[in-house]
C-alpha cells in the first residue's frame, strides 16, 4: 500500500510512502522527505508540540500551547512555524488568533514508515 502525499502549495507529489522500513528499502525521494520530517521532529519541543496538538483532536491556539510545553510564546511560535513549513501542522487564522491542527495524513505516513519495530 502506498500513500500519496502532495505539497499543497505547489501541487507536487511530496512522498509516495512506503512500506515499513523493515519490509523494503526506501527510494531516494522517500528517504529525503521522511528525513526532513524526522529532522524537524528531532527537536524535543517540536515533538512535544506536535504530540499535544495531535492528542487534542481539534485546533488549538498557539497561546494555549505555552504552558503545556513550558517555553516562552516566541519559542512556541517559532517551533509552530517550523512544523507548519514542514507540513506537519496546518494553521487557520480566526480573528487575531492562529489555530493549529495536526495533519493526519502526514502523521500516518510517518507512522507507516516506522511500522512496528517491536517485531524486529
PDB file of N, CA and C in Angstrom:
ATOM      1  N   UNK A   1       0.840  -1.181   0.000  1.00  0.00           N
ATOM      2  CA  UNK A   1       0.000   0.000   0.000  1.00  0.00           C
ATOM      3  C   UNK A   1       0.879   1.235   0.000  1.00  0.00           C
ATOM      4  N   UNK A   2       0.522   2.232  -0.789  1.00  0.00           N
ATOM      5  CA  UNK A   2       1.235   3.493  -0.776  1.00  0.00           C
ATOM      6  C   UNK A   2       0.268   4.596  -0.420  1.00  0.00           C
ATOM      7  N   UNK A   3       0.821   5.636   0.169  1.00  0.00           N
ATOM      8  CA  UNK A   3       0.038   6.821   0.499  1.00  0.00           C
ATOM      9  C   UNK A   3       0.669   7.967  -0.273  1.00  0.00           C
ATOM     10  N   UNK A   4      -0.075   8.563  -1.189  1.00  0.00           N
ATOM     11  CA  UNK A   4       0.454   9.681  -1.956  1.00  0.00           C
ATOM     12  C   UNK A   4       0.263  10.960  -1.162  1.00  0.00           C
ATOM     13  N   UNK A   5       1.326  11.701  -0.970  1.00  0.00           N
ATOM     14  CA  UNK A   5       1.254  12.977  -0.262  1.00  0.00           C
ATOM     15  C   UNK A   5       1.542  14.083  -1.266  1.00  0.00           C
ATOM     16  N   UNK A   6       0.847  15.202  -1.120  1.00  0.00           N
ATOM     17  CA  UNK A   6       1.006  16.318  -2.039  1.00  0.00           C
ATOM     18  C   UNK A   6       1.402  17.565  -1.281  1.00  0.00           C
ATOM     19  N   UNK A   7       2.300  18.332  -1.871  1.00  0.00           N
ATOM     20  CA  UNK A   7       2.653  19.641  -1.349  1.00  0.00           C
ATOM     21  C   UNK A   7       1.547  20.586  -1.807  1.00  0.00           C
ATOM     22  N   UNK A   8       0.710  21.035  -0.862  1.00  0.00           N
ATOM     23  CA  UNK A   8      -0.454  21.839  -1.211  1.00  0.00           C
ATOM     24  C   UNK A   8      -0.089  23.169  -1.863  1.00  0.00           C
ATOM     25  N   UNK A   9       1.089  23.681  -1.567  1.00  0.00           N
ATOM     26  CA  UNK A   9       1.485  24.971  -2.130  1.00  0.00           C
ATOM     27  C   UNK A   9       1.845  24.847  -3.602  1.00  0.00           C
ATOM     28  N   UNK A  10       2.497  23.750  -3.987  1.00  0.00           N
ATOM     29  CA  UNK A  10       2.974  23.592  -5.357  1.00  0.00           C
ATOM     30  C   UNK A  10       2.260  22.482  -6.118  1.00  0.00           C
ATOM     31  N   UNK A  11       1.346  21.781  -5.453  1.00  0.00           N
ATOM     32  CA  UNK A  11       0.636  20.656  -6.048  1.00  0.00           C
ATOM     33  C   UNK A  11       1.606  19.662  -6.681  1.00  0.00           C
ATOM     34  N   UNK A  12       2.697  19.408  -5.989  1.00  0.00           N
ATOM     35  CA  UNK A  12       3.684  18.433  -6.409  1.00  0.00           C
ATOM     36  C   UNK A  12       3.629  17.250  -5.460  1.00  0.00           C
ATOM     37  N   UNK A  13       3.907  16.043  -5.961  1.00  0.00           N
ATOM     38  CA  UNK A  13       3.953  14.917  -5.034  1.00  0.00           C
ATOM     39  C   UNK A  13       5.075  15.111  -4.034  1.00  0.00           C
ATOM     40  N   UNK A  14       4.792  14.872  -2.763  1.00  0.00           N
ATOM     41  CA  UNK A  14       5.799  15.017  -1.727  1.00  0.00           C
ATOM     42  C   UNK A  14       6.491  13.682  -1.500  1.00  0.00           C
ATOM     43  N   UNK A  15       5.742  12.691  -1.175  1.00  0.00           N
ATOM     44  CA  UNK A  15       6.325  11.371  -0.964  1.00  0.00           C
ATOM     45  C   UNK A  15       5.244  10.341  -1.241  1.00  0.00           C
ATOM     46  N   UNK A  16       5.643   9.288  -1.817  1.00  0.00           N
ATOM     47  CA  UNK A  16       4.736   8.172  -2.012  1.00  0.00           C
ATOM     48  C   UNK A  16       5.210   7.136  -1.014  1.00  0.00           C
ATOM     49  N   UNK A  17       4.572   7.063   0.084  1.00  0.00           N
ATOM     50  CA  UNK A  17       5.082   6.223   1.145  1.00  0.00           C
ATOM     51  C   UNK A  17       4.337   4.932   1.157  1.00  0.00           C
ATOM     52  N   UNK A  18       4.940   4.182   1.404  1.00  0.00           N
ATOM     53  CA  UNK A  18       6.095   3.365   1.535  1.00  0.00           C
ATOM     54  C   UNK A  18       5.749   2.258   2.497  1.00  0.00           C
ATOM     55  N   UNK A  19       6.307   1.141   2.230  1.00  0.00           N
ATOM     56  CA  UNK A  19       6.189   0.026   3.173  1.00  0.00           C
ATOM     57  C   UNK A  19       7.004   0.361   4.407  1.00  0.00           C
ATOM     58  N   UNK A  20       6.704  -0.259   5.524  1.00  0.00           N
ATOM     59  CA  UNK A  20       7.544  -0.033   6.703  1.00  0.00           C
ATOM     60  C   UNK A  20       9.014  -0.291   6.383  1.00  0.00           C
ATOM     61  N   UNK A  21       9.863   0.446   7.059  1.00  0.00           N
ATOM     62  CA  UNK A  21      11.305   0.339   6.811  1.00  0.00           C
ATOM     63  C   UNK A  21      11.814  -1.081   6.956  1.00  0.00           C
ATOM     64  N   UNK A  22      11.142  -1.876   7.754  1.00  0.00           N
ATOM     65  CA  UNK A  22      11.591  -3.250   7.974  1.00  0.00           C
ATOM     66  C   UNK A  22      11.152  -4.194   6.861  1.00  0.00           C
ATOM     67  N   UNK A  23      10.301  -3.716   5.941  1.00  0.00           N
ATOM     68  CA  UNK A  23       9.811  -4.583   4.865  1.00  0.00           C
ATOM     69  C   UNK A  23      10.531  -4.376   3.550  1.00  0.00           C
ATOM     70  N   UNK A  24      10.855  -3.133   3.222  1.00  0.00           N
ATOM     71  CA  UNK A  24      11.572  -2.856   1.981  1.00  0.00           C
ATOM     72  C   UNK A  24      12.296  -1.524   2.094  1.00  0.00           C
ATOM     73  N   UNK A  25      13.399  -1.373   1.348  1.00  0.00           N
ATOM     74  CA  UNK A  25      14.163  -0.126   1.420  1.00  0.00           C
ATOM     75  C   UNK A  25      13.405   1.047   0.788  1.00  0.00           C
ATOM     76  N   UNK A  26      13.663   2.222   1.307  1.00  0.00           N
ATOM     77  CA  UNK A  26      13.093   3.447   0.744  1.00  0.00           C
ATOM     78  C   UNK A  26      13.851   3.834  -0.513  1.00  0.00           C
ATOM     79  N   UNK A  27      13.159   4.485  -1.443  1.00  0.00           N
ATOM     80  CA  UNK A  27      13.895   5.067  -2.563  1.00  0.00           C
ATOM     81  C   UNK A  27      14.416   6.441  -2.120  1.00  0.00           C
ATOM     82  N   UNK A  28      15.168   7.082  -2.980  1.00  0.00           N
ATOM     83  CA  UNK A  28      15.831   8.338  -2.605  1.00  0.00           C
ATOM     84  C   UNK A  28      14.834   9.439  -2.236  1.00  0.00           C
ATOM     85  N   UNK A  29      13.762   9.607  -3.025  1.00  0.00           N
ATOM     86  CA  UNK A  29      12.814  10.691  -2.732  1.00  0.00           C
ATOM     87  C   UNK A  29      12.050  10.428  -1.439  1.00  0.00           C
ATOM     88  N   UNK A  30      11.683   9.179  -1.184  1.00  0.00           N
ATOM     89  CA  UNK A  30      11.015   8.838   0.067  1.00  0.00           C
ATOM     90  C   UNK A  30      11.935   9.129   1.252  1.00  0.00           C
ATOM     91  N   UNK A  31      13.177   8.710   1.138  1.00  0.00           N
ATOM     92  CA  UNK A  31      14.135   8.923   2.227  1.00  0.00           C
ATOM     93  C   UNK A  31      14.367  10.411   2.479  1.00  0.00           C
ATOM     94  N   UNK A  32      14.443  11.182   1.412  1.00  0.00           N
ATOM     95  CA  UNK A  32      14.673  12.624   1.554  1.00  0.00           C
ATOM     96  C   UNK A  32      13.514  13.293   2.292  1.00  0.00           C
ATOM     97  N   UNK A  33      12.279  12.972   1.874  1.00  0.00           N
ATOM     98  CA  UNK A  33      11.110  13.580   2.514  1.00  0.00           C
ATOM     99  C   UNK A  33      10.985  13.149   3.969  1.00  0.00           C
ATOM    100  N   UNK A  34      11.099  11.868   4.222  1.00  0.00           N
ATOM    101  CA  UNK A  34      10.973  11.376   5.594  1.00  0.00           C
ATOM    102  C   UNK A  34      12.080  11.920   6.485  1.00  0.00           C
ATOM    103  N   UNK A  35      13.294  12.006   5.963  1.00  0.00           N
ATOM    104  CA  UNK A  35      14.405  12.542   6.753  1.00  0.00           C
ATOM    105  C   UNK A  35      14.138  13.994   7.143  1.00  0.00           C
ATOM    106  N   UNK A  36      13.555  14.763   6.235  1.00  0.00           N
ATOM    107  CA  UNK A  36      13.209  16.151   6.558  1.00  0.00           C
ATOM    108  C   UNK A  36      12.204  16.231   7.690  1.00  0.00           C
ATOM    109  N   UNK A  37      11.178  15.394   7.636  1.00  0.00           N
ATOM    110  CA  UNK A  37      10.181  15.396   8.706  1.00  0.00           C
ATOM    111  C   UNK A  37      10.791  14.926  10.021  1.00  0.00           C
ATOM    112  N   UNK A  38      11.600  13.876   9.964  1.00  0.00           N
ATOM    113  CA  UNK A  38      12.217  13.384  11.200  1.00  0.00           C
ATOM    114  C   UNK A  38      13.214  14.400  11.757  1.00  0.00           C
ATOM    115  N   UNK A  39      13.882  15.166  10.877  1.00  0.00           N
ATOM    116  CA  UNK A  39      14.795  16.214  11.340  1.00  0.00           C
ATOM    117  C   UNK A  39      14.012  17.278  12.114  1.00  0.00           C
ATOM    118  N   UNK A  40      12.858  17.662  11.573  1.00  0.00           N
ATOM    119  CA  UNK A  40      12.001  18.636  12.252  1.00  0.00           C
ATOM    120  C   UNK A  40      11.576  18.095  13.608  1.00  0.00           C
ATOM    121  N   UNK A  41      11.224  16.826  13.667  1.00  0.00           N
ATOM    122  CA  UNK A  41      10.765  16.214  14.911  1.00  0.00           C
ATOM    123  C   UNK A  41      11.908  15.821  15.840  1.00  0.00           C
ATOM    124  N   UNK A  42      13.144  16.030  15.404  1.00  0.00           N
ATOM    125  CA  UNK A  42      14.300  15.727  16.238  1.00  0.00           C
ATOM    126  C   UNK A  42      14.479  16.704  17.391  1.00  0.00           C
ATOM    127  N   UNK A  43      13.740  17.787  17.374  1.00  0.00           N
ATOM    128  CA  UNK A  43      13.773  18.751  18.474  1.00  0.00           C
ATOM    129  C   UNK A  43      12.702  18.364  19.483  1.00  0.00           C
ATOM    130  N   UNK A  44      13.077  18.155  20.753  1.00  0.00           N
ATOM    131  CA  UNK A  44      12.088  17.712  21.748  1.00  0.00           C
ATOM    132  C   UNK A  44      10.893  18.657  21.896  1.00  0.00           C
ATOM    133  N   UNK A  45      11.106  19.950  21.799  1.00  0.00           N
ATOM    134  CA  UNK A  45       9.991  20.896  21.937  1.00  0.00           C
ATOM    135  C   UNK A  45       9.014  20.742  20.777  1.00  0.00           C
ATOM    136  N   UNK A  46       9.520  20.576  19.559  1.00  0.00           N
ATOM    137  CA  UNK A  46       8.628  20.402  18.410  1.00  0.00           C
ATOM    138  C   UNK A  46       7.888  19.071  18.490  1.00  0.00           C
ATOM    139  N   UNK A  47       8.573  18.035  18.919  1.00  0.00           N
ATOM    140  CA  UNK A  47       7.928  16.739  19.060  1.00  0.00           C
ATOM    141  C   UNK A  47       6.808  16.803  20.103  1.00  0.00           C
ATOM    142  N   UNK A  48       7.076  17.486  21.213  1.00  0.00           N
ATOM    143  CA  UNK A  48       6.053  17.651  22.245  1.00  0.00           C
ATOM    144  C   UNK A  48       4.884  18.493  21.731  1.00  0.00           C
ATOM    145  N   UNK A  49       5.188  19.569  21.003  1.00  0.00           N
ATOM    146  CA  UNK A  49       4.119  20.396  20.441  1.00  0.00           C
ATOM    147  C   UNK A  49       3.220  19.582  19.517  1.00  0.00           C
ATOM    148  N   UNK A  50       3.826  18.823  18.621  1.00  0.00           N
ATOM    149  CA  UNK A  50       3.029  18.011  17.708  1.00  0.00           C
ATOM    150  C   UNK A  50       2.211  16.993  18.482  1.00  0.00           C
ATOM    151  N   UNK A  51       2.779  16.424  19.507  1.00  0.00           N
ATOM    152  CA  UNK A  51       2.067  15.450  20.326  1.00  0.00           C
ATOM    153  C   UNK A  51       0.870  16.089  21.021  1.00  0.00           C
ATOM    154  N   UNK A  52       1.063  17.261  21.595  1.00  0.00           N
ATOM    155  CA  UNK A  52      -0.039  17.957  22.268  1.00  0.00           C
ATOM    156  C   UNK A  52      -1.129  18.307  21.264  1.00  0.00           C
ATOM    157  N   UNK A  53      -0.744  18.863  20.131  1.00  0.00           N
ATOM    158  CA  UNK A  53      -1.724  19.269  19.118  1.00  0.00           C
ATOM    159  C   UNK A  53      -2.491  18.053  18.602  1.00  0.00           C
ATOM    160  N   UNK A  54      -1.780  16.994  18.282  1.00  0.00           N
ATOM    161  CA  UNK A  54      -2.428  15.795  17.738  1.00  0.00           C
ATOM    162  C   UNK A  54      -3.338  15.141  18.763  1.00  0.00           C
ATOM    163  N   UNK A  55      -2.940  15.150  20.016  1.00  0.00           N
ATOM    164  CA  UNK A  55      -3.743  14.474  21.041  1.00  0.00           C
ATOM    165  C   UNK A  55      -5.022  15.234  21.371  1.00  0.00           C
ATOM    166  N   UNK A  56      -5.057  16.526  21.114  1.00  0.00           N
ATOM    167  CA  UNK A  56      -6.258  17.309  21.385  1.00  0.00           C
ATOM    168  C   UNK A  56      -7.385  16.965  20.424  1.00  0.00           C
ATOM    169  N   UNK A  57      -7.030  16.589  19.215  1.00  0.00           N
ATOM    170  CA  UNK A  57      -8.048  16.215  18.243  1.00  0.00           C
ATOM    171  C   UNK A  57      -8.823  17.384  17.655  1.00  0.00           C
ATOM    172  N   UNK A  58      -8.481  18.590  18.035  1.00  0.00           N
ATOM    173  CA  UNK A  58      -9.125  19.787  17.490  1.00  0.00           C
ATOM    174  C   UNK A  58      -8.092  20.885  17.411  1.00  0.00           C
ATOM    175  N   UNK A  59      -8.392  21.915  16.665  1.00  0.00           N
ATOM    176  CA  UNK A  59      -7.465  23.029  16.516  1.00  0.00           C
ATOM    177  C   UNK A  59      -7.278  23.736  17.855  1.00  0.00           C
ATOM    178  N   UNK A  60      -6.073  24.181  18.098  1.00  0.00           N
ATOM    179  CA  UNK A  60      -5.799  24.914  19.339  1.00  0.00           C
ATOM    180  C   UNK A  60      -4.976  26.152  19.025  1.00  0.00           C
ATOM    181  N   UNK A  61      -5.174  27.179  19.812  1.00  0.00           N
ATOM    182  CA  UNK A  61      -4.460  28.436  19.636  1.00  0.00           C
ATOM    183  C   UNK A  61      -3.032  28.307  20.149  1.00  0.00           C
ATOM    184  N   UNK A  62      -2.137  29.022  19.517  1.00  0.00           N
ATOM    185  CA  UNK A  62      -0.726  28.988  19.904  1.00  0.00           C
ATOM    186  C   UNK A  62      -0.553  29.372  21.370  1.00  0.00           C
ATOM    187  N   UNK A  63      -1.330  30.331  21.843  1.00  0.00           N
ATOM    188  CA  UNK A  63      -1.188  30.773  23.234  1.00  0.00           C
ATOM    189  C   UNK A  63      -1.525  29.661  24.223  1.00  0.00           C
ATOM    190  N   UNK A  64      -2.352  28.704  23.801  1.00  0.00           N
ATOM    191  CA  UNK A  64      -2.711  27.588  24.676  1.00  0.00           C
ATOM    192  C   UNK A  64      -1.617  26.526  24.772  1.00  0.00           C
ATOM    193  N   UNK A  65      -0.584  26.672  23.975  1.00  0.00           N
ATOM    194  CA  UNK A  65       0.478  25.670  23.939  1.00  0.00           C
ATOM    195  C   UNK A  65       1.692  26.058  24.773  1.00  0.00           C
ATOM    196  N   UNK A  66       1.715  27.278  25.273  1.00  0.00           N
ATOM    197  CA  UNK A  66       2.867  27.756  26.044  1.00  0.00           C
ATOM    198  C   UNK A  66       3.020  26.970  27.342  1.00  0.00           C
ATOM    199  N   UNK A  67       1.964  26.894  28.116  1.00  0.00           N
ATOM    200  CA  UNK A  67       2.041  26.228  29.420  1.00  0.00           C
ATOM    201  C   UNK A  67       2.360  24.732  29.306  1.00  0.00           C
ATOM    202  N   UNK A  68       1.678  23.981  28.439  1.00  0.00           N
ATOM    203  CA  UNK A  68       1.983  22.545  28.375  1.00  0.00           C
ATOM    204  C   UNK A  68       3.427  22.238  27.958  1.00  0.00           C
ATOM    205  N   UNK A  69       4.018  23.118  27.149  1.00  0.00           N
ATOM    206  CA  UNK A  69       5.373  22.864  26.665  1.00  0.00           C
ATOM    207  C   UNK A  69       6.413  23.469  27.617  1.00  0.00           C
ATOM    208  N   UNK A  70       6.032  24.529  28.299  1.00  0.00           N
ATOM    209  CA  UNK A  70       6.938  25.129  29.281  1.00  0.00           C
ATOM    210  C   UNK A  70       8.027  25.998  28.682  1.00  0.00           C
ATOM    211  N   UNK A  71       7.722  26.611  27.529  1.00  0.00           N
ATOM    212  CA  UNK A  71       8.665  27.550  26.920  1.00  0.00           C
ATOM    213  C   UNK A  71       7.919  28.844  26.635  1.00  0.00           C
ATOM    214  N   UNK A  72       8.643  29.876  26.238  1.00  0.00           N
ATOM    215  CA  UNK A  72       8.027  31.188  26.013  1.00  0.00           C
ATOM    216  C   UNK A  72       7.166  31.191  24.755  1.00  0.00           C
ATOM    217  N   UNK A  73       6.283  32.174  24.668  1.00  0.00           N
ATOM    218  CA  UNK A  73       5.410  32.333  23.495  1.00  0.00           C
ATOM    219  C   UNK A  73       6.221  32.479  22.203  1.00  0.00           C
ATOM    220  N   UNK A  74       7.282  33.300  22.170  1.00  0.00           N
ATOM    221  CA  UNK A  74       8.055  33.390  20.923  1.00  0.00           C
ATOM    222  C   UNK A  74       8.684  32.053  20.518  1.00  0.00           C
ATOM    223  N   UNK A  75       9.098  31.264  21.496  1.00  0.00           N
ATOM    224  CA  UNK A  75       9.686  29.961  21.190  1.00  0.00           C
ATOM    225  C   UNK A  75       8.627  29.016  20.633  1.00  0.00           C
ATOM    226  N   UNK A  76       7.440  29.009  21.232  1.00  0.00           N
ATOM    227  CA  UNK A  76       6.340  28.193  20.712  1.00  0.00           C
ATOM    228  C   UNK A  76       6.019  28.622  19.286  1.00  0.00           C
ATOM    229  N   UNK A  77       5.928  29.914  19.039  1.00  0.00           N
ATOM    230  CA  UNK A  77       5.614  30.419  17.697  1.00  0.00           C
ATOM    231  C   UNK A  77       6.658  29.979  16.682  1.00  0.00           C
ATOM    232  N   UNK A  78       7.922  30.039  17.069  1.00  0.00           N
ATOM    233  CA  UNK A  78       8.998  29.597  16.168  1.00  0.00           C
ATOM    234  C   UNK A  78       8.834  28.120  15.819  1.00  0.00           C
ATOM    235  N   UNK A  79       8.627  27.291  16.822  1.00  0.00           N
ATOM    236  CA  UNK A  79       8.503  25.854  16.581  1.00  0.00           C
ATOM    237  C   UNK A  79       7.254  25.529  15.761  1.00  0.00           C
ATOM    238  N   UNK A  80       6.165  26.250  15.997  1.00  0.00           N
ATOM    239  CA  UNK A  80       4.953  26.043  15.206  1.00  0.00           C
ATOM    240  C   UNK A  80       5.190  26.409  13.742  1.00  0.00           C
ATOM    241  N   UNK A  81       5.952  27.463  13.525  1.00  0.00           N
ATOM    242  CA  UNK A  81       6.283  27.863  12.149  1.00  0.00           C
ATOM    243  C   UNK A  81       7.075  26.759  11.457  1.00  0.00           C
ATOM    244  N   UNK A  82       8.028  26.161  12.149  1.00  0.00           N
ATOM    245  CA  UNK A  82       8.828  25.081  11.574  1.00  0.00           C
ATOM    246  C   UNK A  82       7.944  23.872  11.269  1.00  0.00           C
ATOM    247  N   UNK A  83       7.065  23.515  12.203  1.00  0.00           N
ATOM    248  CA  UNK A  83       6.143  22.399  11.976  1.00  0.00           C
ATOM    249  C   UNK A  83       5.212  22.675  10.799  1.00  0.00           C
ATOM    250  N   UNK A  84       4.750  23.913  10.681  1.00  0.00           N
ATOM    251  CA  UNK A  84       3.876  24.292   9.567  1.00  0.00           C
ATOM    252  C   UNK A  84       4.627  24.207   8.242  1.00  0.00           C
ATOM    253  N   UNK A  85       5.817  24.757   8.195  1.00  0.00           N
ATOM    254  CA  UNK A  85       6.602  24.740   6.957  1.00  0.00           C
ATOM    255  C   UNK A  85       6.942  23.319   6.519  1.00  0.00           C
ATOM    256  N   UNK A  86       7.050  22.413   7.477  1.00  0.00           N
ATOM    257  CA  UNK A  86       7.320  21.008   7.157  1.00  0.00           C
ATOM    258  C   UNK A  86       6.049  20.282   6.730  1.00  0.00           C
ATOM    259  N   UNK A  87       4.899  20.920   6.902  1.00  0.00           N
ATOM    260  CA  UNK A  87       3.640  20.302   6.505  1.00  0.00           C
ATOM    261  C   UNK A  87       3.064  19.354   7.540  1.00  0.00           C
ATOM    262  N   UNK A  88       3.566  19.413   8.771  1.00  0.00           N
ATOM    263  CA  UNK A  88       3.079  18.517   9.816  1.00  0.00           C
ATOM    264  C   UNK A  88       1.888  19.078  10.578  1.00  0.00           C
ATOM    265  N   UNK A  89       1.722  20.398  10.546  1.00  0.00           N
ATOM    266  CA  UNK A  89       0.533  21.032  11.108  1.00  0.00           C
ATOM    267  C   UNK A  89      -0.012  22.017  10.082  1.00  0.00           C
ATOM    268  N   UNK A  90      -1.299  22.275  10.187  1.00  0.00           N
ATOM    269  CA  UNK A  90      -1.903  23.318   9.373  1.00  0.00           C
ATOM    270  C   UNK A  90      -2.388  24.408  10.312  1.00  0.00           C
ATOM    271  N   UNK A  91      -2.546  25.592   9.772  1.00  0.00           N
ATOM    272  CA  UNK A  91      -2.977  26.701  10.624  1.00  0.00           C
ATOM    273  C   UNK A  91      -4.121  27.446   9.969  1.00  0.00           C
ATOM    274  N   UNK A  92      -4.903  28.070  10.843  1.00  0.00           N
ATOM    275  CA  UNK A  92      -6.066  28.832  10.400  1.00  0.00           C
ATOM    276  C   UNK A  92      -6.165  30.077  11.264  1.00  0.00           C
ATOM    277  N   UNK A  93      -6.246  31.206  10.624  1.00  0.00           N
ATOM    278  CA  UNK A  93      -6.381  32.453  11.370  1.00  0.00           C
ATOM    279  C   UNK A  93      -7.856  32.718  11.630  1.00  0.00           C
ATOM    280  N   UNK A  94      -8.169  32.940  12.895  1.00  0.00           N
ATOM    281  CA  UNK A  94      -9.537  33.278  13.311  1.00  0.00           C
ATOM    282  C   UNK A  94      -9.455  34.583  14.085  1.00  0.00           C
ATOM    283  N   UNK A  95      -9.808  35.653  13.418  1.00  0.00           N
ATOM    284  CA  UNK A  95      -9.671  36.964  14.057  1.00  0.00           C
ATOM    285  C   UNK A  95      -8.204  37.260  14.321  1.00  0.00           C
ATOM    286  N   UNK A  96      -7.870  37.495  15.576  1.00  0.00           N
ATOM    287  CA  UNK A  96      -6.486  37.811  15.953  1.00  0.00           C
ATOM    288  C   UNK A  96      -5.678  36.568  16.288  1.00  0.00           C
ATOM    289  N   UNK A  97      -6.325  35.423  16.389  1.00  0.00           N
ATOM    290  CA  UNK A  97      -5.661  34.203  16.838  1.00  0.00           C
ATOM    291  C   UNK A  97      -5.377  33.260  15.676  1.00  0.00           C
ATOM    292  N   UNK A  98      -4.314  32.502  15.823  1.00  0.00           N
ATOM    293  CA  UNK A  98      -3.983  31.462  14.852  1.00  0.00           C
ATOM    294  C   UNK A  98      -4.148  30.122  15.547  1.00  0.00           C
ATOM    295  N   UNK A  99      -4.900  29.234  14.909  1.00  0.00           N
ATOM    296  CA  UNK A  99      -5.165  27.908  15.454  1.00  0.00           C
ATOM    297  C   UNK A  99      -4.415  26.861  14.636  1.00  0.00           C
ATOM    298  N   UNK A 100      -3.884  25.863  15.333  1.00  0.00           N
ATOM    299  CA  UNK A 100      -3.085  24.814  14.711  1.00  0.00           C
ATOM    300  C   UNK A 100      -3.756  23.461  14.892  1.00  0.00           C
ATOM    301  N   UNK A 101      -3.600  22.629  13.871  1.00  0.00           N
ATOM    302  CA  UNK A 101      -4.147  21.277  13.878  1.00  0.00           C
ATOM    303  C   UNK A 101      -3.115  20.372  13.196  1.00  0.00           C
ATOM    304  N   UNK A 102      -2.934  19.176  13.729  1.00  0.00           N
ATOM    305  CA  UNK A 102      -2.035  18.204  13.110  1.00  0.00           C
ATOM    306  C   UNK A 102      -2.620  17.768  11.769  1.00  0.00           C
ATOM    307  N   UNK A 103      -1.754  17.424  10.843  1.00  0.00           N
ATOM    308  CA  UNK A 103      -2.178  16.926   9.537  1.00  0.00           C
ATOM    309  C   UNK A 103      -2.164  15.398   9.618  1.00  0.00           C
ATOM    310  N   UNK A 104      -3.344  14.796   9.762  1.00  0.00           N
ATOM    311  CA  UNK A 104      -3.411  13.352   9.997  1.00  0.00           C
ATOM    312  C   UNK A 104      -2.719  12.515   8.924  1.00  0.00           C
ATOM    313  N   UNK A 105      -2.839  12.919   7.657  1.00  0.00           N
ATOM    314  CA  UNK A 105      -2.214  12.148   6.582  1.00  0.00           C
ATOM    315  C   UNK A 105      -0.694  12.104   6.728  1.00  0.00           C
ATOM    316  N   UNK A 106      -0.117  13.219   7.161  1.00  0.00           N
ATOM    317  CA  UNK A 106       1.347  13.244   7.331  1.00  0.00           C
ATOM    318  C   UNK A 106       1.761  12.372   8.517  1.00  0.00           C
ATOM    319  N   UNK A 107       0.981  12.414   9.590  1.00  0.00           N
ATOM    320  CA  UNK A 107       1.281  11.558  10.738  1.00  0.00           C
ATOM    321  C   UNK A 107       1.149  10.090  10.354  1.00  0.00           C
ATOM    322  N   UNK A 108       0.190   9.789   9.489  1.00  0.00           N
ATOM    323  CA  UNK A 108       0.009   8.411   9.031  1.00  0.00           C
ATOM    324  C   UNK A 108       1.213   7.941   8.213  1.00  0.00           C
ATOM    325  N   UNK A 109       1.759   8.829   7.393  1.00  0.00           N
ATOM    326  CA  UNK A 109       2.934   8.474   6.600  1.00  0.00           C
ATOM    327  C   UNK A 109       4.109   8.160   7.522  1.00  0.00           C
ATOM    328  N   UNK A 110       4.330   9.010   8.529  1.00  0.00           N
ATOM    329  CA  UNK A 110       5.424   8.770   9.476  1.00  0.00           C
ATOM    330  C   UNK A 110       5.217   7.459  10.222  1.00  0.00           C
ATOM    331  N   UNK A 111       4.014   7.237  10.666  1.00  0.00           N
ATOM    332  CA  UNK A 111       3.710   6.022  11.410  1.00  0.00           C
ATOM    333  C   UNK A 111       3.887   4.785  10.535  1.00  0.00           C
ATOM    334  N   UNK A 112       3.395   4.861   9.317  1.00  0.00           N
ATOM    335  CA  UNK A 112       3.501   3.731   8.394  1.00  0.00           C
ATOM    336  C   UNK A 112       4.968   3.428   8.085  1.00  0.00           C
ATOM    337  N   UNK A 113       5.755   4.465   7.877  1.00  0.00           N
ATOM    338  CA  UNK A 113       7.167   4.262   7.542  1.00  0.00           C
ATOM    339  C   UNK A 113       7.892   3.563   8.683  1.00  0.00           C
ATOM    340  N   UNK A 114       7.568   3.930   9.906  1.00  0.00           N
ATOM    341  CA  UNK A 114       8.227   3.320  11.048  1.00  0.00           C
ATOM    342  C   UNK A 114       7.756   1.886  11.284  1.00  0.00           C
ATOM    343  N   UNK A 115       6.498   1.645  10.926  1.00  0.00           N
ATOM    344  CA  UNK A 115       5.966   0.294  11.106  1.00  0.00           C
ATOM    345  C   UNK A 115       6.013  -0.124  12.559  1.00  0.00           C
ATOM    346  N   UNK A 116       6.142  -1.394  12.777  1.00  0.00           N
ATOM    347  CA  UNK A 116       6.177  -1.952  14.124  1.00  0.00           C
ATOM    348  C   UNK A 116       7.571  -2.475  14.403  1.00  0.00           C
ATOM    349  N   UNK A 117       8.407  -1.629  15.006  1.00  0.00           N
ATOM    350  CA  UNK A 117       9.781  -2.039  15.295  1.00  0.00           C
ATOM    351  C   UNK A 117       9.874  -3.037  16.433  1.00  0.00           C
ATOM    352  N   UNK A 118       8.769  -3.276  17.133  1.00  0.00           N
ATOM    353  CA  UNK A 118       8.827  -4.258  18.216  1.00  0.00           C
ATOM    354  C   UNK A 118       8.973  -5.669  17.661  1.00  0.00           C
ATOM    355  N   UNK A 119       8.625  -5.835  16.374  1.00  0.00           N
ATOM    356  CA  UNK A 119       8.741  -7.156  15.761  1.00  0.00           C
ATOM    357  C   UNK A 119      10.164  -7.462  15.318  1.00  0.00           C
ATOM    358  N   UNK A 120      11.030  -6.490  15.322  1.00  0.00           N
ATOM    359  CA  UNK A 120      12.400  -6.672  14.839  1.00  0.00           C
ATOM    360  C   UNK A 120      13.268  -7.273  15.923  1.00  0.00           C
TER     361      UNK A 120
END
